[in-house]
Every structure is written in structure tokens, then in C-alpha cells.
Amino acid sequence: KIGNLHLIRNEYPLAIAHFEDALSLKQKFHIVMGTLPFQLCVAYLKLGDFDKASDHSHAAWQSSLERNGERNDNTLVLRSMYARAKSLKGDHVGALSDYENILNVKETITTSDESKAITLMELGFVYLKTKKYKLAQDNLSMAHDIILQTCGGNEDAHPAIKLLEEHIKILEKKNKSWFSFIC
């Protein structure tokens, strides 16, 4: 609980210290870790320590995978967090693979359209980092269309719509200039 208070107050080193202590005690007494690895991941992401964030997000995902299976919403969220940490570390290939697998699982289970759109956004942003602009544009456009449809066409109904539109416009320009360069 104290670690959560420090996390909320943006006191990440203090939060990490409390989370690490709690994690050590839980491991010592063989108690389920619960959300501690996830909380540690968030704190380390905020500090920019992507290696430790990746380690803890992997532990959180594995724990949920063992308890709930790969088709569980929480497991998918944690795997997405792990993919995000991988991407921030520079492992874009690993992140893309994870996001593709997450999307494939989401296609086979009942999940919200918004959840699928979020994964498409994540894919798009990783493709953007790897300068695969056409793939980035395709994924971001699909995410945009899904979110817009879920909001009944109201562009002000979801905060991601404006962000997606800005990125799509930039990518359209990049793709047009790249195409004219080739021809």
C-alpha cells in the first residue's frame, strides 16, 4: 500500500523500494506475487530503466499466464506491457511479434473492439519506430476506424482519435514522398 502511495505521488525510487521489499517477503513465504511485478514495471518505466521494467513485466505476464492462461484479458494486458517494455528497450522485433500474437488471440476470443484497436495502435507505433511507414499507417488507420465506429462517428468521444489522425496525416505525407522518390 505504501508503494502505491509513492507511485501516485511520482516518488518512483521510494515506490520501488517498498515494492521490492514486499516482493521479497512474498517470495520468502511463497505467497502469490499478485500485482507487484506490474507495479514495479510501471515504476521502472517512469524512471526510464527499461531493462528492469522488462524483467518485471515479463514476470507479471508469466504469473498471469500460469494462473489464467493466454486467452485471459489480464494476461493479454500484461503481455502488452511486456511488449511495450521490449520496444522501449529497442527490441522492436520482439515487440512486434508479441503484439501480432496478442492480436491473433484477441481475434479468437470475445474482447472489445477498443481492445483490438489499442493493440493495432501499439503495432502501428512500433512500426513507426522501425520506419516501416506503410505498415504503421495501415495499423493506425485500422485502429482509428475501429475506435471511430465504436464511438458512433463522434470524433470527440475518444482521446485516441485526434492522436491517430495526426499520426496518419504525417504517415500519408511520408508514404507519398517515399513513393514519389521511388518513381
N, C-alpha and C. Protein backbone atom coordinates (compact mmCIF):
# COMPACT_ATOMS: atom_id res chain seq x y z
N LYS A 1 0.82 -1.20 0.00
CA LYS A 1 0.00 0.00 0.00
C LYS A 1 0.86 1.26 0.00
N ILE A 2 1.95 1.25 0.78
CA ILE A 2 2.81 2.43 0.84
C ILE A 2 3.48 2.66 -0.51
N GLY A 3 3.87 1.57 -1.18
CA GLY A 3 4.46 1.70 -2.51
C GLY A 3 3.50 2.35 -3.49
N ASN A 4 2.23 2.01 -3.41
CA ASN A 4 1.23 2.62 -4.29
C ASN A 4 1.11 4.12 -4.05
N LEU A 5 1.17 4.53 -2.80
CA LEU A 5 1.10 5.96 -2.49
C LEU A 5 2.28 6.70 -3.09
N HIS A 6 3.47 6.12 -2.97
CA HIS A 6 4.65 6.75 -3.56
C HIS A 6 4.55 6.77 -5.09
N LEU A 7 3.98 5.73 -5.67
CA LEU A 7 3.81 5.68 -7.13
C LEU A 7 2.88 6.79 -7.58
N ILE A 8 1.77 6.97 -6.88
CA ILE A 8 0.80 8.01 -7.21
C ILE A 8 1.44 9.40 -7.10
N ARG A 9 2.33 9.55 -6.13
CA ARG A 9 2.97 10.85 -5.89
C ARG A 9 4.22 11.05 -6.76
N ASN A 10 4.44 10.13 -7.71
CA ASN A 10 5.59 10.19 -8.62
C ASN A 10 6.93 10.07 -7.88
N GLU A 11 6.92 9.41 -6.76
CA GLU A 11 8.14 9.16 -5.99
C GLU A 11 8.60 7.74 -6.30
N TYR A 12 9.11 7.57 -7.51
CA TYR A 12 9.38 6.24 -8.04
C TYR A 12 10.45 5.46 -7.28
N PRO A 13 11.57 6.08 -6.89
CA PRO A 13 12.56 5.29 -6.13
C PRO A 13 11.99 4.76 -4.80
N LEU A 14 11.18 5.58 -4.12
CA LEU A 14 10.57 5.12 -2.87
C LEU A 14 9.55 4.01 -3.13
N ALA A 15 8.77 4.18 -4.19
CA ALA A 15 7.79 3.15 -4.55
C ALA A 15 8.51 1.83 -4.84
N ILE A 16 9.57 1.90 -5.60
CA ILE A 16 10.33 0.69 -5.96
C ILE A 16 10.87 0.01 -4.70
N ALA A 17 11.40 0.79 -3.78
CA ALA A 17 11.95 0.21 -2.55
C ALA A 17 10.87 -0.57 -1.79
N HIS A 18 9.68 0.02 -1.67
CA HIS A 18 8.59 -0.67 -0.95
C HIS A 18 8.09 -1.89 -1.72
N PHE A 19 7.97 -1.75 -3.04
CA PHE A 19 7.52 -2.89 -3.84
C PHE A 19 8.53 -4.04 -3.78
N GLU A 20 9.82 -3.70 -3.86
CA GLU A 20 10.86 -4.74 -3.80
C GLU A 20 10.82 -5.46 -2.44
N ASP A 21 10.64 -4.69 -1.35
CA ASP A 21 10.54 -5.31 -0.02
C ASP A 21 9.35 -6.26 0.04
N ALA A 22 8.21 -5.80 -0.45
CA ALA A 22 7.00 -6.64 -0.42
C ALA A 22 7.19 -7.88 -1.29
N LEU A 23 7.83 -7.72 -2.43
CA LEU A 23 8.07 -8.85 -3.31
C LEU A 23 8.98 -9.88 -2.65
N SER A 24 10.02 -9.40 -1.97
CA SER A 24 10.94 -10.32 -1.27
C SER A 24 10.20 -11.11 -0.20
N LEU A 25 9.36 -10.45 0.56
CA LEU A 25 8.59 -11.14 1.60
C LEU A 25 7.64 -12.17 1.01
N LYS A 26 6.97 -11.80 -0.06
CA LYS A 26 6.04 -12.74 -0.69
C LYS A 26 6.77 -13.96 -1.24
N GLN A 27 7.94 -13.73 -1.83
CA GLN A 27 8.71 -14.85 -2.36
C GLN A 27 9.24 -15.73 -1.22
N LYS A 28 9.65 -15.10 -0.14
CA LYS A 28 10.19 -15.83 1.01
C LYS A 28 9.14 -16.78 1.59
N PHE A 29 7.90 -16.32 1.66
CA PHE A 29 6.83 -17.12 2.25
C PHE A 29 5.95 -17.80 1.21
N HIS A 30 6.40 -17.82 -0.05
CA HIS A 30 5.71 -18.49 -1.15
C HIS A 30 4.26 -18.01 -1.29
N ILE A 31 4.09 -16.71 -1.22
CA ILE A 31 2.78 -16.09 -1.41
C ILE A 31 2.72 -15.59 -2.86
N VAL A 32 1.55 -15.71 -3.48
CA VAL A 32 1.38 -15.24 -4.86
C VAL A 32 1.78 -13.76 -4.95
N MET A 33 2.55 -13.43 -5.98
CA MET A 33 3.09 -12.08 -6.12
C MET A 33 2.02 -11.04 -6.41
N GLY A 34 0.91 -11.46 -6.99
CA GLY A 34 -0.16 -10.51 -7.31
C GLY A 34 0.28 -9.46 -8.30
N THR A 35 0.00 -8.21 -7.99
CA THR A 35 0.27 -7.12 -8.92
C THR A 35 1.65 -6.48 -8.73
N LEU A 36 2.42 -6.97 -7.79
CA LEU A 36 3.72 -6.34 -7.51
C LEU A 36 4.64 -6.24 -8.74
N PRO A 37 4.82 -7.30 -9.52
CA PRO A 37 5.69 -7.14 -10.70
C PRO A 37 5.18 -6.06 -11.67
N PHE A 38 3.87 -5.98 -11.83
CA PHE A 38 3.30 -4.96 -12.70
C PHE A 38 3.60 -3.56 -12.15
N GLN A 39 3.40 -3.38 -10.85
CA GLN A 39 3.65 -2.08 -10.23
C GLN A 39 5.13 -1.71 -10.34
N LEU A 40 6.01 -2.69 -10.16
CA LEU A 40 7.44 -2.44 -10.33
C LEU A 40 7.76 -2.06 -11.78
N CYS A 41 7.11 -2.72 -12.71
CA CYS A 41 7.31 -2.40 -14.12
C CYS A 41 6.94 -0.94 -14.38
N VAL A 42 5.79 -0.52 -13.89
CA VAL A 42 5.34 0.87 -14.10
C VAL A 42 6.35 1.85 -13.50
N ALA A 43 6.79 1.59 -12.28
CA ALA A 43 7.74 2.49 -11.63
C ALA A 43 9.06 2.56 -12.41
N TYR A 44 9.55 1.41 -12.86
CA TYR A 44 10.81 1.41 -13.61
C TYR A 44 10.64 2.07 -14.98
N LEU A 45 9.48 1.91 -15.60
CA LEU A 45 9.22 2.61 -16.86
C LEU A 45 9.29 4.12 -16.64
N LYS A 46 8.68 4.58 -15.56
CA LYS A 46 8.67 6.02 -15.26
C LYS A 46 10.09 6.54 -15.02
N LEU A 47 10.95 5.70 -14.47
CA LEU A 47 12.34 6.10 -14.23
C LEU A 47 13.21 5.95 -15.49
N GLY A 48 12.67 5.28 -16.51
CA GLY A 48 13.43 5.07 -17.74
C GLY A 48 14.37 3.88 -17.68
N ASP A 49 14.20 3.02 -16.68
CA ASP A 49 15.02 1.80 -16.58
C ASP A 49 14.27 0.67 -17.28
N PHE A 50 14.43 0.61 -18.59
CA PHE A 50 13.64 -0.30 -19.42
C PHE A 50 14.05 -1.76 -19.23
N ASP A 51 15.30 -2.01 -18.85
CA ASP A 51 15.72 -3.39 -18.60
C ASP A 51 14.96 -3.97 -17.40
N LYS A 52 14.94 -3.23 -16.29
CA LYS A 52 14.23 -3.72 -15.12
C LYS A 52 12.72 -3.73 -15.36
N ALA A 53 12.22 -2.75 -16.09
CA ALA A 53 10.79 -2.73 -16.42
C ALA A 53 10.43 -3.98 -17.22
N SER A 54 11.30 -4.33 -18.15
CA SER A 54 11.07 -5.52 -18.97
C SER A 54 11.08 -6.79 -18.11
N ASP A 55 12.04 -6.87 -17.19
CA ASP A 55 12.12 -8.05 -16.31
C ASP A 55 10.84 -8.21 -15.49
N HIS A 56 10.38 -7.11 -14.92
CA HIS A 56 9.19 -7.19 -14.06
C HIS A 56 7.91 -7.39 -14.87
N SER A 57 7.84 -6.79 -16.06
CA SER A 57 6.65 -7.01 -16.89
C SER A 57 6.60 -8.45 -17.38
N HIS A 58 7.77 -9.03 -17.65
CA HIS A 58 7.82 -10.43 -18.04
C HIS A 58 7.34 -11.32 -16.90
N ALA A 59 7.78 -11.02 -15.68
CA ALA A 59 7.36 -11.80 -14.50
C ALA A 59 5.85 -11.68 -14.29
N ALA A 60 5.32 -10.48 -14.47
CA ALA A 60 3.87 -10.27 -14.29
C ALA A 60 3.09 -11.06 -15.33
N TRP A 61 3.56 -11.00 -16.58
CA TRP A 61 2.88 -11.73 -17.66
C TRP A 61 2.94 -13.23 -17.42
N GLN A 62 4.12 -13.74 -17.06
CA GLN A 62 4.28 -15.18 -16.83
C GLN A 62 3.39 -15.66 -15.68
N SER A 63 3.32 -14.87 -14.63
CA SER A 63 2.50 -15.23 -13.48
C SER A 63 1.02 -15.32 -13.88
N SER A 64 0.56 -14.34 -14.64
CA SER A 64 -0.83 -14.36 -15.10
C SER A 64 -1.07 -15.49 -16.09
N LEU A 65 -0.09 -15.74 -16.94
CA LEU A 65 -0.21 -16.82 -17.91
C LEU A 65 -0.38 -18.16 -17.21
N GLU A 66 0.40 -18.39 -16.16
CA GLU A 66 0.31 -19.64 -15.40
C GLU A 66 -1.03 -19.76 -14.67
N ARG A 67 -1.50 -18.65 -14.11
CA ARG A 67 -2.76 -18.67 -13.34
C ARG A 67 -4.00 -18.67 -14.23
N ASN A 68 -3.96 -17.89 -15.32
CA ASN A 68 -5.19 -17.62 -16.08
C ASN A 68 -5.20 -18.12 -17.52
N GLY A 69 -4.05 -18.47 -18.07
CA GLY A 69 -3.97 -18.89 -19.47
C GLY A 69 -3.78 -17.69 -20.39
N GLU A 70 -3.43 -17.98 -21.65
CA GLU A 70 -3.09 -16.91 -22.58
C GLU A 70 -4.28 -16.15 -23.12
N ARG A 71 -5.49 -16.70 -23.00
CA ARG A 71 -6.67 -16.06 -23.56
C ARG A 71 -7.40 -15.15 -22.57
N ASN A 72 -6.80 -14.93 -21.42
CA ASN A 72 -7.37 -14.10 -20.38
C ASN A 72 -7.06 -12.63 -20.65
N ASP A 73 -8.04 -11.75 -20.44
CA ASP A 73 -7.83 -10.32 -20.70
C ASP A 73 -6.66 -9.75 -19.92
N ASN A 74 -6.56 -10.09 -18.64
CA ASN A 74 -5.47 -9.58 -17.82
C ASN A 74 -4.12 -10.07 -18.35
N THR A 75 -4.05 -11.32 -18.76
CA THR A 75 -2.81 -11.86 -19.32
C THR A 75 -2.43 -11.10 -20.59
N LEU A 76 -3.41 -10.78 -21.41
CA LEU A 76 -3.13 -10.04 -22.64
C LEU A 76 -2.65 -8.62 -22.34
N VAL A 77 -3.24 -7.98 -21.34
CA VAL A 77 -2.79 -6.64 -20.95
C VAL A 77 -1.35 -6.68 -20.46
N LEU A 78 -1.03 -7.70 -19.66
CA LEU A 78 0.33 -7.81 -19.14
C LEU A 78 1.33 -8.16 -20.25
N ARG A 79 0.91 -8.97 -21.20
CA ARG A 79 1.80 -9.27 -22.33
C ARG A 79 2.03 -8.01 -23.16
N SER A 80 1.01 -7.20 -23.28
CA SER A 80 1.14 -5.93 -23.99
C SER A 80 2.13 -5.01 -23.28
N MET A 81 2.07 -5.00 -21.95
CA MET A 81 3.02 -4.20 -21.18
C MET A 81 4.45 -4.71 -21.41
N TYR A 82 4.59 -6.02 -21.47
CA TYR A 82 5.90 -6.62 -21.73
C TYR A 82 6.39 -6.22 -23.13
N ALA A 83 5.50 -6.26 -24.10
CA ALA A 83 5.87 -5.86 -25.47
C ALA A 83 6.28 -4.39 -25.50
N ARG A 84 5.56 -3.55 -24.75
CA ARG A 84 5.91 -2.13 -24.70
C ARG A 84 7.30 -1.94 -24.10
N ALA A 85 7.59 -2.67 -23.04
CA ALA A 85 8.92 -2.58 -22.42
C ALA A 85 10.00 -3.06 -23.40
N LYS A 86 9.70 -4.13 -24.14
CA LYS A 86 10.66 -4.60 -25.15
C LYS A 86 10.94 -3.51 -26.18
N SER A 87 9.88 -2.88 -26.66
CA SER A 87 10.05 -1.84 -27.66
C SER A 87 10.87 -0.68 -27.12
N LEU A 88 10.61 -0.28 -25.89
CA LEU A 88 11.36 0.81 -25.28
C LEU A 88 12.83 0.46 -25.10
N LYS A 89 13.11 -0.84 -24.92
CA LYS A 89 14.50 -1.31 -24.83
C LYS A 89 15.17 -1.36 -26.20
N GLY A 90 14.37 -1.26 -27.25
CA GLY A 90 14.91 -1.32 -28.60
C GLY A 90 14.69 -2.66 -29.28
N ASP A 91 14.03 -3.59 -28.59
CA ASP A 91 13.73 -4.90 -29.19
C ASP A 91 12.40 -4.81 -29.94
N HIS A 92 12.43 -4.12 -31.07
CA HIS A 92 11.21 -3.90 -31.84
C HIS A 92 10.70 -5.19 -32.49
N VAL A 93 11.62 -6.06 -32.89
CA VAL A 93 11.21 -7.34 -33.50
C VAL A 93 10.43 -8.17 -32.48
N GLY A 94 10.94 -8.25 -31.26
CA GLY A 94 10.24 -8.98 -30.20
C GLY A 94 8.90 -8.35 -29.87
N ALA A 95 8.87 -7.02 -29.82
CA ALA A 95 7.62 -6.32 -29.52
C ALA A 95 6.59 -6.56 -30.62
N LEU A 96 7.02 -6.47 -31.87
CA LEU A 96 6.09 -6.70 -32.99
C LEU A 96 5.53 -8.12 -32.94
N SER A 97 6.39 -9.07 -32.66
CA SER A 97 5.95 -10.46 -32.57
C SER A 97 4.91 -10.63 -31.46
N ASP A 98 5.18 -10.03 -30.30
CA ASP A 98 4.23 -10.11 -29.20
C ASP A 98 2.89 -9.47 -29.56
N TYR A 99 2.94 -8.26 -30.14
CA TYR A 99 1.70 -7.58 -30.49
C TYR A 99 0.90 -8.36 -31.54
N GLU A 100 1.59 -8.96 -32.50
CA GLU A 100 0.90 -9.78 -33.51
C GLU A 100 0.22 -10.98 -32.83
N ASN A 101 0.93 -11.62 -31.90
CA ASN A 101 0.35 -12.76 -31.18
C ASN A 101 -0.84 -12.32 -30.33
N ILE A 102 -0.72 -11.18 -29.67
CA ILE A 102 -1.84 -10.65 -28.87
C ILE A 102 -3.04 -10.42 -29.75
N LEU A 103 -2.81 -9.79 -30.90
CA LEU A 103 -3.91 -9.52 -31.82
C LEU A 103 -4.55 -10.81 -32.31
N ASN A 104 -3.73 -11.82 -32.61
CA ASN A 104 -4.27 -13.11 -33.05
C ASN A 104 -5.15 -13.74 -31.97
N VAL A 105 -4.72 -13.66 -30.71
CA VAL A 105 -5.52 -14.20 -29.62
C VAL A 105 -6.82 -13.42 -29.50
N LYS A 106 -6.73 -12.09 -29.59
CA LYS A 106 -7.93 -11.25 -29.47
C LYS A 106 -8.94 -11.55 -30.57
N GLU A 107 -8.44 -11.97 -31.73
CA GLU A 107 -9.35 -12.31 -32.83
C GLU A 107 -10.14 -13.59 -32.54
N THR A 108 -9.62 -14.43 -31.64
CA THR A 108 -10.27 -15.72 -31.37
C THR A 108 -11.13 -15.71 -30.10
N ILE A 109 -11.10 -14.62 -29.35
CA ILE A 109 -11.90 -14.55 -28.12
C ILE A 109 -12.85 -13.37 -28.20
N THR A 110 -13.77 -13.34 -27.28
CA THR A 110 -14.68 -12.20 -27.20
C THR A 110 -13.98 -11.10 -26.42
N THR A 111 -13.60 -10.07 -27.12
CA THR A 111 -12.96 -8.92 -26.49
C THR A 111 -13.51 -7.67 -27.14
N SER A 112 -13.36 -6.55 -26.51
CA SER A 112 -13.94 -5.31 -27.05
C SER A 112 -13.20 -4.88 -28.31
N ASP A 113 -13.92 -4.18 -29.17
CA ASP A 113 -13.28 -3.62 -30.36
C ASP A 113 -12.21 -2.62 -29.96
N GLU A 114 -12.45 -1.89 -28.88
CA GLU A 114 -11.46 -0.93 -28.41
C GLU A 114 -10.16 -1.64 -28.02
N SER A 115 -10.28 -2.80 -27.41
CA SER A 115 -9.09 -3.56 -27.03
C SER A 115 -8.28 -3.95 -28.27
N LYS A 116 -8.96 -4.38 -29.32
CA LYS A 116 -8.26 -4.70 -30.57
C LYS A 116 -7.61 -3.45 -31.16
N ALA A 117 -8.33 -2.34 -31.09
CA ALA A 117 -7.80 -1.09 -31.63
C ALA A 117 -6.54 -0.65 -30.88
N ILE A 118 -6.53 -0.85 -29.58
CA ILE A 118 -5.35 -0.47 -28.79
C ILE A 118 -4.14 -1.28 -29.24
N THR A 119 -4.34 -2.57 -29.49
CA THR A 119 -3.22 -3.40 -29.97
C THR A 119 -2.77 -2.95 -31.36
N LEU A 120 -3.71 -2.60 -32.22
CA LEU A 120 -3.35 -2.09 -33.54
C LEU A 120 -2.56 -0.78 -33.42
N MET A 121 -2.96 0.07 -32.46
CA MET A 121 -2.21 1.31 -32.23
C MET A 121 -0.79 1.00 -31.79
N GLU A 122 -0.65 0.07 -30.85
CA GLU A 122 0.68 -0.30 -30.37
C GLU A 122 1.53 -0.83 -31.53
N LEU A 123 0.94 -1.68 -32.35
CA LEU A 123 1.66 -2.19 -33.53
C LEU A 123 2.09 -1.04 -34.43
N GLY A 124 1.16 -0.14 -34.69
CA GLY A 124 1.46 1.00 -35.55
C GLY A 124 2.62 1.84 -35.04
N PHE A 125 2.63 2.09 -33.74
CA PHE A 125 3.69 2.91 -33.16
C PHE A 125 5.05 2.20 -33.21
N VAL A 126 5.06 0.88 -33.05
CA VAL A 126 6.34 0.16 -33.17
C VAL A 126 6.80 0.17 -34.62
N TYR A 127 5.87 -0.03 -35.56
CA TYR A 127 6.26 0.06 -36.97
C TYR A 127 6.79 1.46 -37.29
N LEU A 128 6.22 2.47 -36.67
CA LEU A 128 6.71 3.83 -36.88
C LEU A 128 8.15 3.96 -36.40
N LYS A 129 8.45 3.38 -35.24
CA LYS A 129 9.82 3.42 -34.70
C LYS A 129 10.81 2.71 -35.62
N THR A 130 10.34 1.67 -36.32
CA THR A 130 11.22 0.91 -37.20
C THR A 130 11.21 1.47 -38.63
N LYS A 131 10.53 2.59 -38.82
CA LYS A 131 10.45 3.30 -40.10
C LYS A 131 9.76 2.47 -41.18
N LYS A 132 8.86 1.61 -40.77
CA LYS A 132 8.02 0.87 -41.71
C LYS A 132 6.70 1.64 -41.79
N TYR A 133 6.76 2.73 -42.55
CA TYR A 133 5.69 3.71 -42.52
C TYR A 133 4.37 3.20 -43.08
N LYS A 134 4.44 2.40 -44.10
CA LYS A 134 3.19 1.87 -44.69
C LYS A 134 2.48 0.95 -43.69
N LEU A 135 3.23 0.07 -43.04
CA LEU A 135 2.63 -0.81 -42.03
C LEU A 135 2.12 0.00 -40.84
N ALA A 136 2.86 1.03 -40.46
CA ALA A 136 2.41 1.90 -39.37
C ALA A 136 1.10 2.56 -39.75
N GLN A 137 1.04 3.11 -40.95
CA GLN A 137 -0.18 3.78 -41.41
C GLN A 137 -1.35 2.81 -41.47
N ASP A 138 -1.13 1.62 -41.98
CA ASP A 138 -2.21 0.63 -42.09
C ASP A 138 -2.79 0.29 -40.71
N ASN A 139 -1.91 0.01 -39.76
CA ASN A 139 -2.37 -0.37 -38.42
C ASN A 139 -3.04 0.79 -37.71
N LEU A 140 -2.47 1.98 -37.80
CA LEU A 140 -3.08 3.14 -37.15
C LEU A 140 -4.41 3.49 -37.80
N SER A 141 -4.51 3.33 -39.11
CA SER A 141 -5.79 3.60 -39.79
C SER A 141 -6.87 2.61 -39.36
N MET A 142 -6.50 1.33 -39.25
CA MET A 142 -7.47 0.34 -38.77
C MET A 142 -7.92 0.66 -37.35
N ALA A 143 -6.98 1.03 -36.49
CA ALA A 143 -7.32 1.39 -35.11
C ALA A 143 -8.25 2.59 -35.09
N HIS A 144 -7.93 3.60 -35.89
CA HIS A 144 -8.77 4.80 -35.99
C HIS A 144 -10.19 4.45 -36.40
N ASP A 145 -10.31 3.64 -37.45
CA ASP A 145 -11.64 3.29 -37.94
C ASP A 145 -12.45 2.53 -36.90
N ILE A 146 -11.80 1.61 -36.19
CA ILE A 146 -12.50 0.83 -35.16
C ILE A 146 -12.97 1.74 -34.03
N ILE A 147 -12.09 2.60 -33.56
CA ILE A 147 -12.45 3.49 -32.45
C ILE A 147 -13.54 4.46 -32.88
N LEU A 148 -13.41 5.01 -34.06
CA LEU A 148 -14.43 5.94 -34.55
C LEU A 148 -15.79 5.25 -34.67
N GLN A 149 -15.77 4.02 -35.17
CA GLN A 149 -17.02 3.26 -35.28
C GLN A 149 -17.62 2.97 -33.90
N THR A 150 -16.77 2.64 -32.94
CA THR A 150 -17.25 2.34 -31.57
C THR A 150 -17.86 3.58 -30.93
N CYS A 151 -17.38 4.74 -31.34
CA CYS A 151 -17.88 6.00 -30.76
C CYS A 151 -19.01 6.60 -31.60
N GLY A 152 -19.54 5.81 -32.51
CA GLY A 152 -20.66 6.29 -33.33
C GLY A 152 -20.29 7.44 -34.25
N GLY A 153 -19.03 7.51 -34.66
CA GLY A 153 -18.59 8.55 -35.59
C GLY A 153 -18.26 9.87 -34.92
N ASN A 154 -18.42 9.96 -33.61
CA ASN A 154 -18.14 11.18 -32.87
C ASN A 154 -16.64 11.29 -32.61
N GLU A 155 -15.97 12.20 -33.33
CA GLU A 155 -14.51 12.33 -33.23
C GLU A 155 -14.03 12.83 -31.88
N ASP A 156 -14.93 13.46 -31.11
CA ASP A 156 -14.53 13.99 -29.80
C ASP A 156 -14.76 12.98 -28.68
N ALA A 157 -15.31 11.81 -29.00
CA ALA A 157 -15.73 10.85 -27.97
C ALA A 157 -14.58 10.02 -27.41
N HIS A 158 -13.45 9.99 -28.06
CA HIS A 158 -12.33 9.16 -27.58
C HIS A 158 -11.03 9.94 -27.75
N PRO A 159 -10.20 9.99 -26.70
CA PRO A 159 -8.96 10.78 -26.77
C PRO A 159 -7.96 10.29 -27.81
N ALA A 160 -8.03 9.03 -28.20
CA ALA A 160 -7.05 8.49 -29.15
C ALA A 160 -7.32 8.94 -30.59
N ILE A 161 -8.53 9.36 -30.89
CA ILE A 161 -8.88 9.67 -32.28
C ILE A 161 -8.01 10.80 -32.83
N LYS A 162 -7.87 11.88 -32.11
CA LYS A 162 -7.06 13.02 -32.58
C LYS A 162 -5.59 12.61 -32.75
N LEU A 163 -5.08 11.87 -31.79
CA LEU A 163 -3.69 11.40 -31.87
C LEU A 163 -3.49 10.54 -33.11
N LEU A 164 -4.41 9.62 -33.34
CA LEU A 164 -4.30 8.75 -34.52
C LEU A 164 -4.38 9.56 -35.80
N GLU A 165 -5.29 10.52 -35.86
CA GLU A 165 -5.44 11.33 -37.07
C GLU A 165 -4.16 12.11 -37.37
N GLU A 166 -3.53 12.66 -36.31
CA GLU A 166 -2.27 13.39 -36.50
C GLU A 166 -1.18 12.48 -37.07
N HIS A 167 -1.04 11.30 -36.50
CA HIS A 167 -0.01 10.37 -36.97
C HIS A 167 -0.31 9.87 -38.39
N ILE A 168 -1.57 9.61 -38.68
CA ILE A 168 -1.94 9.13 -40.02
C ILE A 168 -1.61 10.19 -41.07
N LYS A 169 -1.89 11.46 -40.78
CA LYS A 169 -1.57 12.53 -41.73
C LYS A 169 -0.06 12.61 -41.99
N ILE A 170 0.71 12.51 -40.93
CA ILE A 170 2.18 12.53 -41.08
C ILE A 170 2.64 11.35 -41.93
N LEU A 171 2.08 10.18 -41.66
CA LEU A 171 2.48 8.98 -42.40
C LEU A 171 2.05 9.05 -43.87
N GLU A 172 0.88 9.63 -44.13
CA GLU A 172 0.44 9.79 -45.52
C GLU A 172 1.45 10.63 -46.29
N LYS A 173 1.93 11.69 -45.67
CA LYS A 173 2.94 12.54 -46.32
C LYS A 173 4.24 11.78 -46.53
N LYS A 174 4.67 11.03 -45.51
CA LYS A 174 5.91 10.24 -45.64
C LYS A 174 5.78 9.21 -46.74
N ASN A 175 4.65 8.51 -46.78
CA ASN A 175 4.45 7.48 -47.80
C ASN A 175 4.37 8.08 -49.19
N LYS A 176 3.75 9.25 -49.34
CA LYS A 176 3.68 9.91 -50.65
C LYS A 176 5.05 10.36 -51.09
N SER A 177 5.83 10.94 -50.17
CA SER A 177 7.16 11.41 -50.57
C SER A 177 8.07 10.22 -50.89
N TRP A 178 7.92 9.12 -50.18
CA TRP A 178 8.72 7.92 -50.45
C TRP A 178 8.33 7.35 -51.81
N PHE A 179 7.03 7.33 -52.12
CA PHE A 179 6.56 6.80 -53.39
C PHE A 179 7.06 7.65 -54.55
N SER A 180 7.03 8.98 -54.39
CA SER A 180 7.50 9.85 -55.48
C SER A 180 9.01 9.74 -55.66
N PHE A 181 9.72 9.43 -54.57
CA PHE A 181 11.17 9.23 -54.64
C PHE A 181 11.49 7.98 -55.45
N ILE A 182 10.71 6.90 -55.28
CA ILE A 182 10.94 5.66 -55.99
C ILE A 182 10.65 5.82 -57.49
N CYS A 183 9.58 6.53 -57.81
CA CYS A 183 9.18 6.70 -59.21
C CYS A 183 9.96 7.80 -59.81
